[in-house]
Amino acid sequence: MIEREEVRKVAHLARLKLTDEEEKEFTTQLNSILEYFEQLSELDTTDVAPTTRAIEVTNVTRPDELQPFGEREALLSAAPDQDGDFFRVPKILSQE
């Protein structure tokens, strides 16, 4: 069970300024959350594999395929500064 003093201490550590009403509300809410976790701890999870998500998530990707850009000259001509077949960019690193 969480007391208002503990909520006040955590709020202080987090540099939050709570009103008395907010302290009371957070105390009630946090106790409700902890009661729910107590209910969950009563469940038998011996045959349940550990997971990081409630649902299976897969990343849909495509293979990278190298393809030459069709309008190379148009791309190079749009550059603010060009050096032959390359873009010229400002120097961002020094030798020091």
PDB file of N, CA and C in Angstrom:
ATOM      1  N   MET A   1       0.849  -1.181   0.000  1.00  0.00           N
ATOM      2  CA  MET A   1       0.000   0.000   0.000  1.00  0.00           C
ATOM      3  C   MET A   1       0.891   1.239   0.000  1.00  0.00           C
ATOM      4  N   ILE A   2       0.611   2.161  -0.887  1.00  0.00           N
ATOM      5  CA  ILE A   2       1.381   3.401  -0.994  1.00  0.00           C
ATOM      6  C   ILE A   2       0.685   4.489  -0.185  1.00  0.00           C
ATOM      7  N   GLU A   3       1.467   5.219   0.555  1.00  0.00           N
ATOM      8  CA  GLU A   3       0.947   6.320   1.360  1.00  0.00           C
ATOM      9  C   GLU A   3       1.208   7.646   0.643  1.00  0.00           C
ATOM     10  N   ARG A   4       0.481   8.665   1.036  1.00  0.00           N
ATOM     11  CA  ARG A   4       0.654   9.997   0.423  1.00  0.00           C
ATOM     12  C   ARG A   4       2.065  10.518   0.607  1.00  0.00           C
ATOM     13  N   GLU A   5       2.693  10.171   1.712  1.00  0.00           N
ATOM     14  CA  GLU A   5       4.064  10.634   1.948  1.00  0.00           C
ATOM     15  C   GLU A   5       5.011  10.083   0.880  1.00  0.00           C
ATOM     16  N   GLU A   6       4.795   8.833   0.459  1.00  0.00           N
ATOM     17  CA  GLU A   6       5.628   8.247  -0.592  1.00  0.00           C
ATOM     18  C   GLU A   6       5.379   8.936  -1.933  1.00  0.00           C
ATOM     19  N   VAL A   7       4.138   9.256  -2.218  1.00  0.00           N
ATOM     20  CA  VAL A   7       3.820   9.990  -3.443  1.00  0.00           C
ATOM     21  C   VAL A   7       4.476  11.366  -3.402  1.00  0.00           C
ATOM     22  N   ARG A   8       4.420  12.010  -2.271  1.00  0.00           N
ATOM     23  CA  ARG A   8       5.035  13.328  -2.093  1.00  0.00           C
ATOM     24  C   ARG A   8       6.555  13.240  -2.314  1.00  0.00           C
ATOM     25  N   LYS A   9       7.182  12.178  -1.786  1.00  0.00           N
ATOM     26  CA  LYS A   9       8.626  12.002  -1.928  1.00  0.00           C
ATOM     27  C   LYS A   9       9.006  11.779  -3.394  1.00  0.00           C
ATOM     28  N   VAL A  10       8.271  10.925  -4.096  1.00  0.00           N
ATOM     29  CA  VAL A  10       8.554  10.662  -5.508  1.00  0.00           C
ATOM     30  C   VAL A  10       8.340  11.924  -6.340  1.00  0.00           C
ATOM     31  N   ALA A  11       7.295  12.663  -6.037  1.00  0.00           N
ATOM     32  CA  ALA A  11       7.041  13.913  -6.755  1.00  0.00           C
ATOM     33  C   ALA A  11       8.186  14.890  -6.525  1.00  0.00           C
ATOM     34  N   HIS A  12       8.686  14.941  -5.312  1.00  0.00           N
ATOM     35  CA  HIS A  12       9.812  15.826  -5.008  1.00  0.00           C
ATOM     36  C   HIS A  12      11.054  15.409  -5.798  1.00  0.00           C
ATOM     37  N   LEU A  13      11.341  14.097  -5.832  1.00  0.00           N
ATOM     38  CA  LEU A  13      12.501  13.596  -6.573  1.00  0.00           C
ATOM     39  C   LEU A  13      12.365  13.866  -8.068  1.00  0.00           C
ATOM     40  N   ALA A  14      11.138  13.830  -8.574  1.00  0.00           N
ATOM     41  CA  ALA A  14      10.883  14.086  -9.994  1.00  0.00           C
ATOM     42  C   ALA A  14      10.716  15.572 -10.279  1.00  0.00           C
ATOM     43  N   ARG A  15      10.857  16.377  -9.237  1.00  0.00           N
ATOM     44  CA  ARG A  15      10.709  17.839  -9.339  1.00  0.00           C
ATOM     45  C   ARG A  15       9.317  18.216  -9.859  1.00  0.00           C
ATOM     46  N   LEU A  16       8.317  17.534  -9.326  1.00  0.00           N
ATOM     47  CA  LEU A  16       6.931  17.834  -9.657  1.00  0.00           C
ATOM     48  C   LEU A  16       6.279  18.527  -8.477  1.00  0.00           C
ATOM     49  N   LYS A  17       5.523  19.544  -8.761  1.00  0.00           N
ATOM     50  CA  LYS A  17       4.802  20.234  -7.708  1.00  0.00           C
ATOM     51  C   LYS A  17       3.345  19.783  -7.790  1.00  0.00           C
ATOM     52  N   LEU A  18       2.929  18.984  -6.790  1.00  0.00           N
ATOM     53  CA  LEU A  18       1.570  18.453  -6.773  1.00  0.00           C
ATOM     54  C   LEU A  18       0.735  19.170  -5.726  1.00  0.00           C
ATOM     55  N   THR A  19      -0.513  19.364  -6.069  1.00  0.00           N
ATOM     56  CA  THR A  19      -1.453  19.904  -5.088  1.00  0.00           C
ATOM     57  C   THR A  19      -1.864  18.773  -4.155  1.00  0.00           C
ATOM     58  N   ASP A  20      -2.521  19.112  -3.044  1.00  0.00           N
ATOM     59  CA  ASP A  20      -3.007  18.087  -2.122  1.00  0.00           C
ATOM     60  C   ASP A  20      -3.989  17.145  -2.822  1.00  0.00           C
ATOM     61  N   GLU A  21      -4.824  17.711  -3.675  1.00  0.00           N
ATOM     62  CA  GLU A  21      -5.804  16.899  -4.415  1.00  0.00           C
ATOM     63  C   GLU A  21      -5.091  15.925  -5.353  1.00  0.00           C
ATOM     64  N   GLU A  22      -4.033  16.383  -6.032  1.00  0.00           N
ATOM     65  CA  GLU A  22      -3.281  15.505  -6.941  1.00  0.00           C
ATOM     66  C   GLU A  22      -2.569  14.401  -6.162  1.00  0.00           C
ATOM     67  N   GLU A  23      -2.011  14.733  -4.998  1.00  0.00           N
ATOM     68  CA  GLU A  23      -1.364  13.714  -4.167  1.00  0.00           C
ATOM     69  C   GLU A  23      -2.361  12.632  -3.783  1.00  0.00           C
ATOM     70  N   LYS A  24      -3.544  13.045  -3.396  1.00  0.00           N
ATOM     71  CA  LYS A  24      -4.585  12.094  -3.003  1.00  0.00           C
ATOM     72  C   LYS A  24      -4.988  11.232  -4.204  1.00  0.00           C
ATOM     73  N   GLU A  25      -5.157  11.860  -5.361  1.00  0.00           N
ATOM     74  CA  GLU A  25      -5.580  11.141  -6.564  1.00  0.00           C
ATOM     75  C   GLU A  25      -4.502  10.145  -7.011  1.00  0.00           C
ATOM     76  N   PHE A  26      -3.234  10.574  -7.010  1.00  0.00           N
ATOM     77  CA  PHE A  26      -2.152   9.684  -7.419  1.00  0.00           C
ATOM     78  C   PHE A  26      -1.991   8.524  -6.440  1.00  0.00           C
ATOM     79  N   THR A  27      -2.179   8.789  -5.169  1.00  0.00           N
ATOM     80  CA  THR A  27      -2.089   7.716  -4.175  1.00  0.00           C
ATOM     81  C   THR A  27      -3.137   6.655  -4.464  1.00  0.00           C
ATOM     82  N   THR A  28      -4.354   7.081  -4.744  1.00  0.00           N
ATOM     83  CA  THR A  28      -5.440   6.146  -5.065  1.00  0.00           C
ATOM     84  C   THR A  28      -5.129   5.374  -6.342  1.00  0.00           C
ATOM     85  N   GLN A  29      -4.689   6.079  -7.367  1.00  0.00           N
ATOM     86  CA  GLN A  29      -4.403   5.430  -8.644  1.00  0.00           C
ATOM     87  C   GLN A  29      -3.252   4.428  -8.538  1.00  0.00           C
ATOM     88  N   LEU A  30      -2.182   4.809  -7.854  1.00  0.00           N
ATOM     89  CA  LEU A  30      -1.048   3.902  -7.710  1.00  0.00           C
ATOM     90  C   LEU A  30      -1.415   2.667  -6.899  1.00  0.00           C
ATOM     91  N   ASN A  31      -2.220   2.837  -5.873  1.00  0.00           N
ATOM     92  CA  ASN A  31      -2.673   1.685  -5.098  1.00  0.00           C
ATOM     93  C   ASN A  31      -3.532   0.764  -5.947  1.00  0.00           C
ATOM     94  N   SER A  32      -4.339   1.334  -6.813  1.00  0.00           N
ATOM     95  CA  SER A  32      -5.171   0.530  -7.715  1.00  0.00           C
ATOM     96  C   SER A  32      -4.297  -0.279  -8.667  1.00  0.00           C
ATOM     97  N   ILE A  33      -3.246   0.330  -9.177  1.00  0.00           N
ATOM     98  CA  ILE A  33      -2.319  -0.371 -10.072  1.00  0.00           C
ATOM     99  C   ILE A  33      -1.628  -1.507  -9.333  1.00  0.00           C
ATOM    100  N   LEU A  34      -1.165  -1.247  -8.116  1.00  0.00           N
ATOM    101  CA  LEU A  34      -0.485  -2.285  -7.343  1.00  0.00           C
ATOM    102  C   LEU A  34      -1.419  -3.433  -6.989  1.00  0.00           C
ATOM    103  N   GLU A  35      -2.675  -3.129  -6.705  1.00  0.00           N
ATOM    104  CA  GLU A  35      -3.655  -4.196  -6.438  1.00  0.00           C
ATOM    105  C   GLU A  35      -3.843  -5.074  -7.665  1.00  0.00           C
ATOM    106  N   TYR A  36      -3.846  -4.469  -8.851  1.00  0.00           N
ATOM    107  CA  TYR A  36      -3.992  -5.234 -10.082  1.00  0.00           C
ATOM    108  C   TYR A  36      -2.784  -6.148 -10.279  1.00  0.00           C
ATOM    109  N   PHE A  37      -1.578  -5.656  -9.981  1.00  0.00           N
ATOM    110  CA  PHE A  37      -0.388  -6.490 -10.103  1.00  0.00           C
ATOM    111  C   PHE A  37      -0.429  -7.647  -9.110  1.00  0.00           C
ATOM    112  N   GLU A  38      -0.991  -7.421  -7.946  1.00  0.00           N
ATOM    113  CA  GLU A  38      -1.139  -8.511  -6.979  1.00  0.00           C
ATOM    114  C   GLU A  38      -2.059  -9.583  -7.532  1.00  0.00           C
ATOM    115  N   GLN A  39      -3.123  -9.172  -8.205  1.00  0.00           N
ATOM    116  CA  GLN A  39      -4.022 -10.147  -8.831  1.00  0.00           C
ATOM    117  C   GLN A  39      -3.282 -10.937  -9.913  1.00  0.00           C
ATOM    118  N   LEU A  40      -2.486 -10.252 -10.704  1.00  0.00           N
ATOM    119  CA  LEU A  40      -1.752 -10.933 -11.763  1.00  0.00           C
ATOM    120  C   LEU A  40      -0.733 -11.913 -11.205  1.00  0.00           C
ATOM    121  N   SER A  41      -0.137 -11.595 -10.075  1.00  0.00           N
ATOM    122  CA  SER A  41       0.871 -12.485  -9.492  1.00  0.00           C
ATOM    123  C   SER A  41       0.260 -13.791  -8.999  1.00  0.00           C
ATOM    124  N   GLU A  42      -1.051 -13.834  -8.845  1.00  0.00           N
ATOM    125  CA  GLU A  42      -1.721 -15.056  -8.400  1.00  0.00           C
ATOM    126  C   GLU A  42      -1.928 -16.049  -9.542  1.00  0.00           C
ATOM    127  N   LEU A  43      -1.730 -15.607 -10.776  1.00  0.00           N
ATOM    128  CA  LEU A  43      -1.932 -16.487 -11.930  1.00  0.00           C
ATOM    129  C   LEU A  43      -0.792 -17.477 -12.072  1.00  0.00           C
ATOM    130  N   ASP A  44      -1.134 -18.686 -12.535  1.00  0.00           N
ATOM    131  CA  ASP A  44      -0.136 -19.713 -12.785  1.00  0.00           C
ATOM    132  C   ASP A  44       0.445 -19.479 -14.180  1.00  0.00           C
ATOM    133  N   THR A  45       1.701 -19.113 -14.235  1.00  0.00           N
ATOM    134  CA  THR A  45       2.345 -18.816 -15.519  1.00  0.00           C
ATOM    135  C   THR A  45       3.485 -19.790 -15.818  1.00  0.00           C
ATOM    136  N   THR A  46       3.440 -20.969 -15.240  1.00  0.00           N
ATOM    137  CA  THR A  46       4.529 -21.929 -15.435  1.00  0.00           C
ATOM    138  C   THR A  46       4.649 -22.377 -16.888  1.00  0.00           C
ATOM    139  N   ASP A  47       3.552 -22.481 -17.623  1.00  0.00           N
ATOM    140  CA  ASP A  47       3.602 -22.928 -19.017  1.00  0.00           C
ATOM    141  C   ASP A  47       3.555 -21.778 -20.013  1.00  0.00           C
ATOM    142  N   VAL A  48       3.725 -20.559 -19.538  1.00  0.00           N
ATOM    143  CA  VAL A  48       3.684 -19.384 -20.416  1.00  0.00           C
ATOM    144  C   VAL A  48       5.116 -18.925 -20.673  1.00  0.00           C
ATOM    145  N   ALA A  49       5.460 -18.856 -21.957  1.00  0.00           N
ATOM    146  CA  ALA A  49       6.816 -18.435 -22.327  1.00  0.00           C
ATOM    147  C   ALA A  49       6.976 -16.937 -22.084  1.00  0.00           C
ATOM    148  N   PRO A  50       8.153 -16.515 -21.652  1.00  0.00           N
ATOM    149  CA  PRO A  50       8.389 -15.080 -21.454  1.00  0.00           C
ATOM    150  C   PRO A  50       8.262 -14.336 -22.787  1.00  0.00           C
ATOM    151  N   THR A  51       7.659 -13.172 -22.737  1.00  0.00           N
ATOM    152  CA  THR A  51       7.481 -12.369 -23.946  1.00  0.00           C
ATOM    153  C   THR A  51       7.799 -10.911 -23.630  1.00  0.00           C
ATOM    154  N   THR A  52       7.988 -10.148 -24.684  1.00  0.00           N
ATOM    155  CA  THR A  52       8.173  -8.706 -24.528  1.00  0.00           C
ATOM    156  C   THR A  52       6.963  -7.946 -25.021  1.00  0.00           C
ATOM    157  N   ARG A  53       6.085  -8.640 -25.749  1.00  0.00           N
ATOM    158  CA  ARG A  53       4.876  -8.003 -26.283  1.00  0.00           C
ATOM    159  C   ARG A  53       3.689  -8.943 -26.107  1.00  0.00           C
ATOM    160  N   ALA A  54       2.521  -8.365 -26.047  1.00  0.00           N
ATOM    161  CA  ALA A  54       1.310  -9.172 -25.906  1.00  0.00           C
ATOM    162  C   ALA A  54       0.921  -9.833 -27.223  1.00  0.00           C
ATOM    163  N   ILE A  55       1.324  -9.229 -28.331  1.00  0.00           N
ATOM    164  CA  ILE A  55       1.008  -9.794 -29.646  1.00  0.00           C
ATOM    165  C   ILE A  55       2.303  -9.967 -30.429  1.00  0.00           C
ATOM    166  N   GLU A  56       2.291 -10.866 -31.391  1.00  0.00           N
ATOM    167  CA  GLU A  56       3.463 -11.097 -32.220  1.00  0.00           C
ATOM    168  C   GLU A  56       3.633  -9.948 -33.205  1.00  0.00           C
ATOM    169  N   VAL A  57       4.839  -9.422 -33.286  1.00  0.00           N
ATOM    170  CA  VAL A  57       5.121  -8.311 -34.187  1.00  0.00           C
ATOM    171  C   VAL A  57       6.232  -8.740 -35.131  1.00  0.00           C
ATOM    172  N   THR A  58       5.994  -8.567 -36.424  1.00  0.00           N
ATOM    173  CA  THR A  58       7.027  -8.864 -37.402  1.00  0.00           C
ATOM    174  C   THR A  58       7.258  -7.625 -38.245  1.00  0.00           C
ATOM    175  N   ASN A  59       8.487  -7.456 -38.654  1.00  0.00           N
ATOM    176  CA  ASN A  59       8.845  -6.315 -39.475  1.00  0.00           C
ATOM    177  C   ASN A  59       8.801  -6.743 -40.937  1.00  0.00           C
ATOM    178  N   VAL A  60       8.003  -6.073 -41.726  1.00  0.00           N
ATOM    179  CA  VAL A  60       7.883  -6.395 -43.134  1.00  0.00           C
ATOM    180  C   VAL A  60       8.917  -5.564 -43.883  1.00  0.00           C
ATOM    181  N   THR A  61       9.881  -6.244 -44.453  1.00  0.00           N
ATOM    182  CA  THR A  61      10.935  -5.551 -45.186  1.00  0.00           C
ATOM    183  C   THR A  61      11.071  -6.157 -46.571  1.00  0.00           C
ATOM    184  N   ARG A  62      11.701  -5.435 -47.419  1.00  0.00           N
ATOM    185  CA  ARG A  62      11.985  -5.938 -48.758  1.00  0.00           C
ATOM    186  C   ARG A  62      13.487  -6.015 -48.912  1.00  0.00           C
ATOM    187  N   PRO A  63      13.964  -6.876 -49.772  1.00  0.00           N
ATOM    188  CA  PRO A  63      15.416  -6.934 -49.978  1.00  0.00           C
ATOM    189  C   PRO A  63      15.900  -5.680 -50.705  1.00  0.00           C
ATOM    190  N   ASP A  64      17.088  -5.229 -50.362  1.00  0.00           N
ATOM    191  CA  ASP A  64      17.680  -4.086 -51.047  1.00  0.00           C
ATOM    192  C   ASP A  64      18.144  -4.523 -52.429  1.00  0.00           C
ATOM    193  N   GLU A  65      17.763  -3.772 -53.419  1.00  0.00           N
ATOM    194  CA  GLU A  65      18.189  -4.064 -54.782  1.00  0.00           C
ATOM    195  C   GLU A  65      18.818  -2.802 -55.357  1.00  0.00           C
ATOM    196  N   LEU A  66      20.055  -2.913 -55.790  1.00  0.00           N
ATOM    197  CA  LEU A  66      20.767  -1.799 -56.353  1.00  0.00           C
ATOM    198  C   LEU A  66      20.229  -1.504 -57.749  1.00  0.00           C
ATOM    199  N   GLN A  67      19.800  -0.263 -57.948  1.00  0.00           N
ATOM    200  CA  GLN A  67      19.292   0.157 -59.251  1.00  0.00           C
ATOM    201  C   GLN A  67      19.884   1.524 -59.557  1.00  0.00           C
ATOM    202  N   PRO A  68      20.418   1.696 -60.746  1.00  0.00           N
ATOM    203  CA  PRO A  68      20.957   3.013 -61.084  1.00  0.00           C
ATOM    204  C   PRO A  68      19.833   4.038 -61.198  1.00  0.00           C
ATOM    205  N   PHE A  69      20.137   5.263 -60.773  1.00  0.00           N
ATOM    206  CA  PHE A  69      19.147   6.335 -60.860  1.00  0.00           C
ATOM    207  C   PHE A  69      19.054   6.757 -62.319  1.00  0.00           C
ATOM    208  N   GLY A  70      17.866   6.822 -62.849  1.00  0.00           N
ATOM    209  CA  GLY A  70      17.650   7.073 -64.267  1.00  0.00           C
ATOM    210  C   GLY A  70      18.009   8.473 -64.725  1.00  0.00           C
ATOM    211  N   GLU A  71      17.854   9.456 -63.879  1.00  0.00           N
ATOM    212  CA  GLU A  71      18.071  10.836 -64.305  1.00  0.00           C
ATOM    213  C   GLU A  71      19.233  11.456 -63.537  1.00  0.00           C
ATOM    214  N   ARG A  72      20.385  10.869 -63.712  1.00  0.00           N
ATOM    215  CA  ARG A  72      21.579  11.285 -62.981  1.00  0.00           C
ATOM    216  C   ARG A  72      21.949  12.740 -63.255  1.00  0.00           C
ATOM    217  N   GLU A  73      21.922  13.139 -64.508  1.00  0.00           N
ATOM    218  CA  GLU A  73      22.295  14.516 -64.875  1.00  0.00           C
ATOM    219  C   GLU A  73      21.332  15.534 -64.269  1.00  0.00           C
ATOM    220  N   ALA A  74      20.049  15.218 -64.232  1.00  0.00           N
ATOM    221  CA  ALA A  74      19.068  16.123 -63.633  1.00  0.00           C
ATOM    222  C   ALA A  74      19.320  16.265 -62.139  1.00  0.00           C
ATOM    223  N   LEU A  75      19.682  15.176 -61.511  1.00  0.00           N
ATOM    224  CA  LEU A  75      19.974  15.206 -60.084  1.00  0.00           C
ATOM    225  C   LEU A  75      21.222  16.046 -59.809  1.00  0.00           C
ATOM    226  N   LEU A  76      22.287  15.825 -60.580  1.00  0.00           N
ATOM    227  CA  LEU A  76      23.520  16.588 -60.387  1.00  0.00           C
ATOM    228  C   LEU A  76      23.325  18.066 -60.699  1.00  0.00           C
ATOM    229  N   SER A  77      22.507  18.389 -61.704  1.00  0.00           N
ATOM    230  CA  SER A  77      22.307  19.794 -62.057  1.00  0.00           C
ATOM    231  C   SER A  77      21.500  20.544 -60.998  1.00  0.00           C
ATOM    232  N   ALA A  78      20.774  19.825 -60.153  1.00  0.00           N
ATOM    233  CA  ALA A  78      19.989  20.465 -59.099  1.00  0.00           C
ATOM    234  C   ALA A  78      20.834  20.784 -57.875  1.00  0.00           C
ATOM    235  N   ALA A  79      22.063  20.282 -57.825  1.00  0.00           N
ATOM    236  CA  ALA A  79      22.930  20.519 -56.669  1.00  0.00           C
ATOM    237  C   ALA A  79      23.384  21.975 -56.650  1.00  0.00           C
ATOM    238  N   PRO A  80      23.466  22.591 -55.465  1.00  0.00           N
ATOM    239  CA  PRO A  80      23.929  23.972 -55.381  1.00  0.00           C
ATOM    240  C   PRO A  80      25.385  24.135 -55.823  1.00  0.00           C
ATOM    241  N   ASP A  81      26.213  23.104 -55.557  1.00  0.00           N
ATOM    242  CA  ASP A  81      27.613  23.164 -55.959  1.00  0.00           C
ATOM    243  C   ASP A  81      28.014  21.763 -56.406  1.00  0.00           C
ATOM    244  N   GLN A  82      28.662  21.669 -57.548  1.00  0.00           N
ATOM    245  CA  GLN A  82      28.972  20.377 -58.135  1.00  0.00           C
ATOM    246  C   GLN A  82      30.443  20.338 -58.512  1.00  0.00           C
ATOM    247  N   ASP A  83      31.050  19.162 -58.361  1.00  0.00           N
ATOM    248  CA  ASP A  83      32.443  18.965 -58.759  1.00  0.00           C
ATOM    249  C   ASP A  83      32.483  17.707 -59.613  1.00  0.00           C
ATOM    250  N   GLY A  84      32.338  17.870 -60.925  1.00  0.00           N
ATOM    251  CA  GLY A  84      32.298  16.721 -61.826  1.00  0.00           C
ATOM    252  C   GLY A  84      31.065  15.883 -61.558  1.00  0.00           C
ATOM    253  N   ASP A  85      31.282  14.623 -61.171  1.00  0.00           N
ATOM    254  CA  ASP A  85      30.168  13.706 -60.892  1.00  0.00           C
ATOM    255  C   ASP A  85      29.789  13.682 -59.415  1.00  0.00           C
ATOM    256  N   PHE A  86      30.226  14.667 -58.639  1.00  0.00           N
ATOM    257  CA  PHE A  86      30.002  14.651 -57.201  1.00  0.00           C
ATOM    258  C   PHE A  86      29.329  15.944 -56.734  1.00  0.00           C
ATOM    259  N   PHE A  87      28.681  15.872 -55.582  1.00  0.00           N
ATOM    260  CA  PHE A  87      28.165  17.054 -54.917  1.00  0.00           C
ATOM    261  C   PHE A  87      29.291  17.662 -54.095  1.00  0.00           C
ATOM    262  N   ARG A  88      29.401  18.955 -54.095  1.00  0.00           N
ATOM    263  CA  ARG A  88      30.370  19.626 -53.235  1.00  0.00           C
ATOM    264  C   ARG A  88      29.582  20.152 -52.020  1.00  0.00           C
ATOM    265  N   VAL A  89      30.070  19.796 -50.837  1.00  0.00           N
ATOM    266  CA  VAL A  89      29.386  20.198 -49.598  1.00  0.00           C
ATOM    267  C   VAL A  89      30.371  20.941 -48.717  1.00  0.00           C
ATOM    268  N   PRO A  90      29.870  21.762 -47.784  1.00  0.00           N
ATOM    269  CA  PRO A  90      30.773  22.478 -46.886  1.00  0.00           C
ATOM    270  C   PRO A  90      31.540  21.505 -45.999  1.00  0.00           C
ATOM    271  N   LYS A  91      32.775  21.880 -45.687  1.00  0.00           N
ATOM    272  CA  LYS A  91      33.608  21.063 -44.805  1.00  0.00           C
ATOM    273  C   LYS A  91      33.059  21.154 -43.388  1.00  0.00           C
ATOM    274  N   ILE A  92      32.868  19.992 -42.753  1.00  0.00           N
ATOM    275  CA  ILE A  92      32.312  19.985 -41.390  1.00  0.00           C
ATOM    276  C   ILE A  92      33.300  19.449 -40.368  1.00  0.00           C
ATOM    277  N   LEU A  93      34.366  18.814 -40.814  1.00  0.00           N
ATOM    278  CA  LEU A  93      35.380  18.301 -39.902  1.00  0.00           C
ATOM    279  C   LEU A  93      36.697  19.008 -40.176  1.00  0.00           C
ATOM    280  N   SER A  94      37.450  19.250 -39.134  1.00  0.00           N
ATOM    281  CA  SER A  94      38.755  19.887 -39.306  1.00  0.00           C
ATOM    282  C   SER A  94      39.850  18.864 -39.056  1.00  0.00           C
ATOM    283  N   GLN A  95      41.057  19.221 -39.396  1.00  0.00           N
ATOM    284  CA  GLN A  95      42.219  18.337 -39.203  1.00  0.00           C
ATOM    285  C   GLN A  95      42.694  18.324 -37.749  1.00  0.00           C
ATOM    286  N   GLU A  96      42.216  19.228 -36.926  1.00  0.00           N
ATOM    287  CA  GLU A  96      42.682  19.349 -35.541  1.00  0.00           C
ATOM    288  C   GLU A  96      42.199  18.236 -34.669  1.00  0.00           C
TER     289      GLU A  96
END
